[in-house]
Amino acid sequence: MPFINTKTTVSVSAEKELVLKEKLGQAIKLLGKGETWLMLNFEDNKRMWFKGENKNDLAMIEISLFGKATDSQYDAMTGMVCNIISKELGISSDCIYVKYEEIDHWGYNGFNF
């Protein structure tokens, strides 16, 4: 039950969103999860500041995960996510943050896991 929330200063077209959906769906396997339960959100054209400036193309990727993953899995996922965002949206990896949140209680369809 992962959720990936992507906030970025750049525009994300419908076509690019589909590409990101596919690539992030493959990447989530690095955390031991599948695309079957993956939920994604894309928020583009955000006003964001980094290092005291707002002139750079930026991205903040928040990944919520039901359960836990290892440090090496998170390392691999961060590398993959930065590569995907950099390639597909043209944002330099040093302008991308990736935040993880491990969730113990996750509700779906009227019950909790």
N, C-alpha and C. Protein backbone atom coordinates (compact mmCIF):
# COMPACT_ATOMS: atom_id res chain seq x y z
N MET A 1 0.82 -1.17 0.00
CA MET A 1 0.00 0.00 0.00
C MET A 1 0.87 1.24 0.00
N PRO A 2 1.67 1.42 -0.99
CA PRO A 2 2.48 2.64 -1.04
C PRO A 2 1.72 3.80 -1.68
N PHE A 3 2.14 5.00 -1.31
CA PHE A 3 1.62 6.23 -1.90
C PHE A 3 2.81 7.12 -2.22
N ILE A 4 2.88 7.60 -3.46
CA ILE A 4 3.95 8.51 -3.86
C ILE A 4 3.32 9.83 -4.27
N ASN A 5 3.72 10.88 -3.55
CA ASN A 5 3.23 12.23 -3.82
C ASN A 5 4.38 13.03 -4.42
N THR A 6 4.20 13.51 -5.62
CA THR A 6 5.23 14.26 -6.33
C THR A 6 4.80 15.72 -6.45
N LYS A 7 5.60 16.60 -5.84
CA LYS A 7 5.38 18.04 -5.96
C LYS A 7 6.56 18.60 -6.72
N THR A 8 6.27 19.43 -7.72
CA THR A 8 7.35 19.98 -8.54
C THR A 8 7.00 21.37 -9.05
N THR A 9 8.04 22.12 -9.37
CA THR A 9 7.85 23.46 -9.90
C THR A 9 7.59 23.45 -11.40
N VAL A 10 7.84 22.34 -12.06
CA VAL A 10 7.68 22.26 -13.51
C VAL A 10 6.31 21.71 -13.89
N SER A 11 5.92 21.92 -15.13
CA SER A 11 4.66 21.37 -15.64
C SER A 11 4.82 19.89 -15.94
N VAL A 12 3.78 19.13 -15.66
CA VAL A 12 3.75 17.70 -15.96
C VAL A 12 2.56 17.45 -16.89
N SER A 13 2.84 17.17 -18.15
CA SER A 13 1.78 16.91 -19.12
C SER A 13 1.11 15.57 -18.82
N ALA A 14 -0.05 15.36 -19.40
CA ALA A 14 -0.76 14.08 -19.23
C ALA A 14 0.09 12.92 -19.75
N GLU A 15 0.79 13.15 -20.85
CA GLU A 15 1.65 12.11 -21.42
C GLU A 15 2.82 11.79 -20.48
N LYS A 16 3.43 12.83 -19.93
CA LYS A 16 4.55 12.65 -19.01
C LYS A 16 4.08 11.98 -17.72
N GLU A 17 2.88 12.32 -17.29
CA GLU A 17 2.32 11.70 -16.09
C GLU A 17 2.19 10.18 -16.27
N LEU A 18 1.77 9.75 -17.45
CA LEU A 18 1.67 8.31 -17.72
C LEU A 18 3.04 7.64 -17.68
N VAL A 19 4.05 8.31 -18.22
CA VAL A 19 5.41 7.76 -18.19
C VAL A 19 5.89 7.65 -16.74
N LEU A 20 5.67 8.70 -15.96
CA LEU A 20 6.06 8.68 -14.55
C LEU A 20 5.32 7.58 -13.79
N LYS A 21 4.04 7.42 -14.07
CA LYS A 21 3.25 6.37 -13.43
C LYS A 21 3.86 5.00 -13.69
N GLU A 22 4.21 4.75 -14.93
CA GLU A 22 4.80 3.44 -15.29
C GLU A 22 6.16 3.24 -14.62
N LYS A 23 7.00 4.25 -14.66
CA LYS A 23 8.36 4.11 -14.11
C LYS A 23 8.34 4.03 -12.59
N LEU A 24 7.51 4.82 -11.94
CA LEU A 24 7.42 4.74 -10.49
C LEU A 24 6.76 3.42 -10.07
N GLY A 25 5.87 2.92 -10.90
CA GLY A 25 5.26 1.61 -10.64
C GLY A 25 6.28 0.49 -10.67
N GLN A 26 7.28 0.61 -11.53
CA GLN A 26 8.36 -0.36 -11.56
C GLN A 26 9.31 -0.15 -10.38
N ALA A 27 9.60 1.11 -10.07
CA ALA A 27 10.56 1.43 -9.01
C ALA A 27 10.08 0.97 -7.64
N ILE A 28 8.77 1.00 -7.40
CA ILE A 28 8.25 0.65 -6.07
C ILE A 28 8.59 -0.79 -5.70
N LYS A 29 8.90 -1.60 -6.68
CA LYS A 29 9.32 -2.99 -6.41
C LYS A 29 10.60 -3.04 -5.59
N LEU A 30 11.41 -1.98 -5.67
CA LEU A 30 12.64 -1.91 -4.88
C LEU A 30 12.35 -1.91 -3.38
N LEU A 31 11.15 -1.49 -3.00
CA LEU A 31 10.74 -1.47 -1.60
C LEU A 31 9.90 -2.69 -1.25
N GLY A 32 9.86 -3.66 -2.15
CA GLY A 32 9.12 -4.89 -1.88
C GLY A 32 7.62 -4.76 -2.09
N LYS A 33 7.20 -3.75 -2.82
CA LYS A 33 5.77 -3.51 -3.07
C LYS A 33 5.51 -3.62 -4.57
N GLY A 34 4.22 -3.70 -4.93
CA GLY A 34 3.85 -3.80 -6.33
C GLY A 34 2.98 -2.64 -6.76
N GLU A 35 2.85 -2.50 -8.05
CA GLU A 35 2.03 -1.41 -8.60
C GLU A 35 0.54 -1.63 -8.33
N THR A 36 0.14 -2.86 -8.04
CA THR A 36 -1.27 -3.17 -7.83
C THR A 36 -1.91 -2.26 -6.79
N TRP A 37 -1.19 -1.96 -5.70
CA TRP A 37 -1.73 -1.14 -4.63
C TRP A 37 -1.15 0.27 -4.59
N LEU A 38 -0.35 0.62 -5.56
CA LEU A 38 0.31 1.92 -5.58
C LEU A 38 -0.67 3.04 -5.95
N MET A 39 -0.69 4.08 -5.12
CA MET A 39 -1.45 5.29 -5.43
C MET A 39 -0.45 6.42 -5.66
N LEU A 40 -0.71 7.22 -6.69
CA LEU A 40 0.19 8.32 -7.06
C LEU A 40 -0.58 9.63 -7.08
N ASN A 41 0.12 10.70 -6.76
CA ASN A 41 -0.42 12.05 -6.90
C ASN A 41 0.65 12.92 -7.52
N PHE A 42 0.27 13.76 -8.48
CA PHE A 42 1.19 14.68 -9.12
C PHE A 42 0.69 16.10 -8.93
N GLU A 43 1.51 16.93 -8.33
CA GLU A 43 1.20 18.35 -8.15
C GLU A 43 2.29 19.14 -8.86
N ASP A 44 1.95 19.73 -9.99
CA ASP A 44 2.95 20.47 -10.76
C ASP A 44 2.75 21.97 -10.62
N ASN A 45 3.69 22.72 -11.17
CA ASN A 45 3.66 24.19 -11.16
C ASN A 45 3.53 24.77 -9.75
N LYS A 46 4.19 24.13 -8.77
CA LYS A 46 4.17 24.61 -7.40
C LYS A 46 5.21 25.71 -7.21
N ARG A 47 4.93 26.62 -6.30
CA ARG A 47 5.91 27.64 -5.92
C ARG A 47 6.73 27.04 -4.78
N MET A 48 8.00 26.81 -5.04
CA MET A 48 8.87 26.18 -4.04
C MET A 48 10.18 26.96 -3.94
N TRP A 49 10.77 26.93 -2.77
CA TRP A 49 12.04 27.59 -2.51
C TRP A 49 13.04 26.54 -2.05
N PHE A 50 14.31 26.71 -2.45
CA PHE A 50 15.38 25.82 -2.03
C PHE A 50 16.67 26.60 -1.98
N LYS A 51 17.40 26.47 -0.88
CA LYS A 51 18.66 27.19 -0.67
C LYS A 51 18.46 28.70 -0.76
N GLY A 52 17.29 29.16 -0.28
CA GLY A 52 17.01 30.58 -0.26
C GLY A 52 16.56 31.18 -1.58
N GLU A 53 16.39 30.33 -2.59
CA GLU A 53 16.01 30.82 -3.92
C GLU A 53 14.82 30.03 -4.46
N ASN A 54 14.12 30.65 -5.40
CA ASN A 54 13.02 29.94 -6.05
C ASN A 54 13.18 29.88 -7.56
N LYS A 55 14.38 30.01 -8.05
CA LYS A 55 14.61 30.05 -9.49
C LYS A 55 14.87 28.68 -10.11
N ASN A 56 15.23 27.68 -9.30
CA ASN A 56 15.55 26.36 -9.84
C ASN A 56 14.32 25.51 -10.05
N ASP A 57 14.44 24.55 -10.96
CA ASP A 57 13.43 23.50 -11.08
C ASP A 57 13.64 22.57 -9.90
N LEU A 58 12.57 22.29 -9.16
CA LEU A 58 12.65 21.51 -7.93
C LEU A 58 11.61 20.40 -7.91
N ALA A 59 11.86 19.39 -7.08
CA ALA A 59 10.88 18.35 -6.84
C ALA A 59 11.00 17.84 -5.42
N MET A 60 9.86 17.58 -4.81
CA MET A 60 9.77 16.95 -3.49
C MET A 60 8.93 15.70 -3.67
N ILE A 61 9.54 14.55 -3.41
CA ILE A 61 8.87 13.27 -3.58
C ILE A 61 8.65 12.68 -2.19
N GLU A 62 7.40 12.44 -1.84
CA GLU A 62 7.06 11.86 -0.55
C GLU A 62 6.52 10.45 -0.78
N ILE A 63 7.17 9.48 -0.15
CA ILE A 63 6.79 8.09 -0.33
C ILE A 63 6.33 7.54 1.01
N SER A 64 5.05 7.20 1.09
CA SER A 64 4.48 6.58 2.28
C SER A 64 4.38 5.08 2.02
N LEU A 65 4.81 4.31 3.01
CA LEU A 65 4.91 2.87 2.84
C LEU A 65 4.25 2.17 4.01
N PHE A 66 3.30 1.28 3.73
CA PHE A 66 2.73 0.45 4.78
C PHE A 66 3.75 -0.62 5.13
N GLY A 67 4.26 -0.55 6.34
CA GLY A 67 5.31 -1.47 6.74
C GLY A 67 6.66 -0.79 6.72
N LYS A 68 7.68 -1.60 6.53
CA LYS A 68 9.05 -1.10 6.61
C LYS A 68 9.88 -1.61 5.44
N ALA A 69 10.99 -0.94 5.22
CA ALA A 69 11.98 -1.37 4.23
C ALA A 69 13.36 -1.21 4.87
N THR A 70 14.36 -1.77 4.23
CA THR A 70 15.72 -1.67 4.76
C THR A 70 16.40 -0.40 4.25
N ASP A 71 17.50 -0.04 4.91
CA ASP A 71 18.27 1.13 4.46
C ASP A 71 18.74 0.96 3.03
N SER A 72 19.18 -0.24 2.66
CA SER A 72 19.66 -0.46 1.29
C SER A 72 18.52 -0.36 0.29
N GLN A 73 17.32 -0.78 0.66
CA GLN A 73 16.16 -0.61 -0.23
C GLN A 73 15.85 0.86 -0.42
N TYR A 74 15.90 1.64 0.67
CA TYR A 74 15.65 3.08 0.56
C TYR A 74 16.72 3.76 -0.28
N ASP A 75 17.97 3.36 -0.12
CA ASP A 75 19.06 3.92 -0.93
C ASP A 75 18.81 3.67 -2.41
N ALA A 76 18.45 2.43 -2.75
CA ALA A 76 18.19 2.08 -4.14
C ALA A 76 16.98 2.86 -4.69
N MET A 77 15.94 2.99 -3.86
CA MET A 77 14.74 3.70 -4.29
C MET A 77 15.03 5.18 -4.52
N THR A 78 15.80 5.80 -3.63
CA THR A 78 16.14 7.22 -3.80
C THR A 78 16.91 7.42 -5.10
N GLY A 79 17.88 6.55 -5.37
CA GLY A 79 18.63 6.65 -6.62
C GLY A 79 17.73 6.52 -7.83
N MET A 80 16.82 5.55 -7.79
CA MET A 80 15.91 5.32 -8.92
C MET A 80 14.95 6.49 -9.10
N VAL A 81 14.36 6.96 -8.02
CA VAL A 81 13.41 8.08 -8.10
C VAL A 81 14.11 9.33 -8.64
N CYS A 82 15.30 9.63 -8.14
CA CYS A 82 16.03 10.80 -8.64
C CYS A 82 16.34 10.66 -10.12
N ASN A 83 16.73 9.46 -10.55
CA ASN A 83 16.99 9.23 -11.98
C ASN A 83 15.74 9.43 -12.82
N ILE A 84 14.61 8.91 -12.36
CA ILE A 84 13.35 9.02 -13.11
C ILE A 84 12.94 10.49 -13.22
N ILE A 85 12.92 11.20 -12.12
CA ILE A 85 12.49 12.61 -12.12
C ILE A 85 13.46 13.46 -12.94
N SER A 86 14.73 13.20 -12.81
CA SER A 86 15.73 13.95 -13.56
C SER A 86 15.56 13.74 -15.06
N LYS A 87 15.42 12.48 -15.46
CA LYS A 87 15.29 12.16 -16.88
C LYS A 87 13.97 12.66 -17.47
N GLU A 88 12.89 12.43 -16.77
CA GLU A 88 11.57 12.73 -17.33
C GLU A 88 11.15 14.19 -17.18
N LEU A 89 11.61 14.86 -16.12
CA LEU A 89 11.19 16.25 -15.90
C LEU A 89 12.32 17.25 -16.04
N GLY A 90 13.54 16.75 -16.26
CA GLY A 90 14.66 17.64 -16.47
C GLY A 90 15.12 18.37 -15.22
N ILE A 91 14.85 17.79 -14.05
CA ILE A 91 15.24 18.40 -12.79
C ILE A 91 16.53 17.73 -12.31
N SER A 92 17.53 18.52 -12.01
CA SER A 92 18.81 18.00 -11.53
C SER A 92 18.61 17.24 -10.22
N SER A 93 19.31 16.13 -10.07
CA SER A 93 19.18 15.30 -8.86
C SER A 93 19.49 16.07 -7.59
N ASP A 94 20.34 17.09 -7.67
CA ASP A 94 20.66 17.86 -6.47
C ASP A 94 19.59 18.91 -6.14
N CYS A 95 18.48 18.85 -6.88
CA CYS A 95 17.32 19.71 -6.61
C CYS A 95 16.08 18.87 -6.33
N ILE A 96 16.31 17.62 -5.90
CA ILE A 96 15.22 16.68 -5.61
C ILE A 96 15.39 16.17 -4.18
N TYR A 97 14.34 16.29 -3.40
CA TYR A 97 14.30 15.66 -2.08
C TYR A 97 13.37 14.45 -2.17
N VAL A 98 13.72 13.39 -1.45
CA VAL A 98 12.86 12.21 -1.35
C VAL A 98 12.66 11.94 0.14
N LYS A 99 11.42 11.93 0.57
CA LYS A 99 11.08 11.72 1.97
C LYS A 99 10.31 10.41 2.10
N TYR A 100 10.66 9.63 3.12
CA TYR A 100 9.98 8.35 3.36
C TYR A 100 9.21 8.41 4.67
N GLU A 101 8.07 7.74 4.68
CA GLU A 101 7.28 7.61 5.90
C GLU A 101 6.79 6.17 5.98
N GLU A 102 7.12 5.51 7.07
CA GLU A 102 6.65 4.14 7.30
C GLU A 102 5.38 4.21 8.13
N ILE A 103 4.34 3.54 7.66
CA ILE A 103 3.02 3.60 8.27
C ILE A 103 2.69 2.25 8.91
N ASP A 104 2.26 2.28 10.18
CA ASP A 104 1.86 1.06 10.88
C ASP A 104 0.39 0.73 10.67
N HIS A 105 -0.43 1.75 10.49
CA HIS A 105 -1.88 1.55 10.33
C HIS A 105 -2.30 2.18 9.02
N TRP A 106 -2.92 1.38 8.16
CA TRP A 106 -3.35 1.87 6.86
C TRP A 106 -4.77 1.36 6.62
N GLY A 107 -5.68 2.29 6.36
CA GLY A 107 -7.08 1.93 6.13
C GLY A 107 -7.39 1.87 4.65
N TYR A 108 -8.30 0.96 4.31
CA TYR A 108 -8.73 0.79 2.93
C TYR A 108 -10.07 0.08 2.93
N ASN A 109 -11.00 0.56 2.15
CA ASN A 109 -12.25 -0.13 1.91
C ASN A 109 -13.01 -0.44 3.22
N GLY A 110 -12.95 0.48 4.17
CA GLY A 110 -13.70 0.33 5.40
C GLY A 110 -13.04 -0.47 6.51
N PHE A 111 -11.80 -0.90 6.30
CA PHE A 111 -11.08 -1.64 7.35
C PHE A 111 -9.61 -1.23 7.36
N ASN A 112 -8.90 -1.71 8.36
CA ASN A 112 -7.48 -1.40 8.48
C ASN A 112 -6.64 -2.66 8.32
N PHE A 113 -5.45 -2.47 7.77
CA PHE A 113 -4.51 -3.58 7.65
C PHE A 113 -3.69 -3.68 8.92
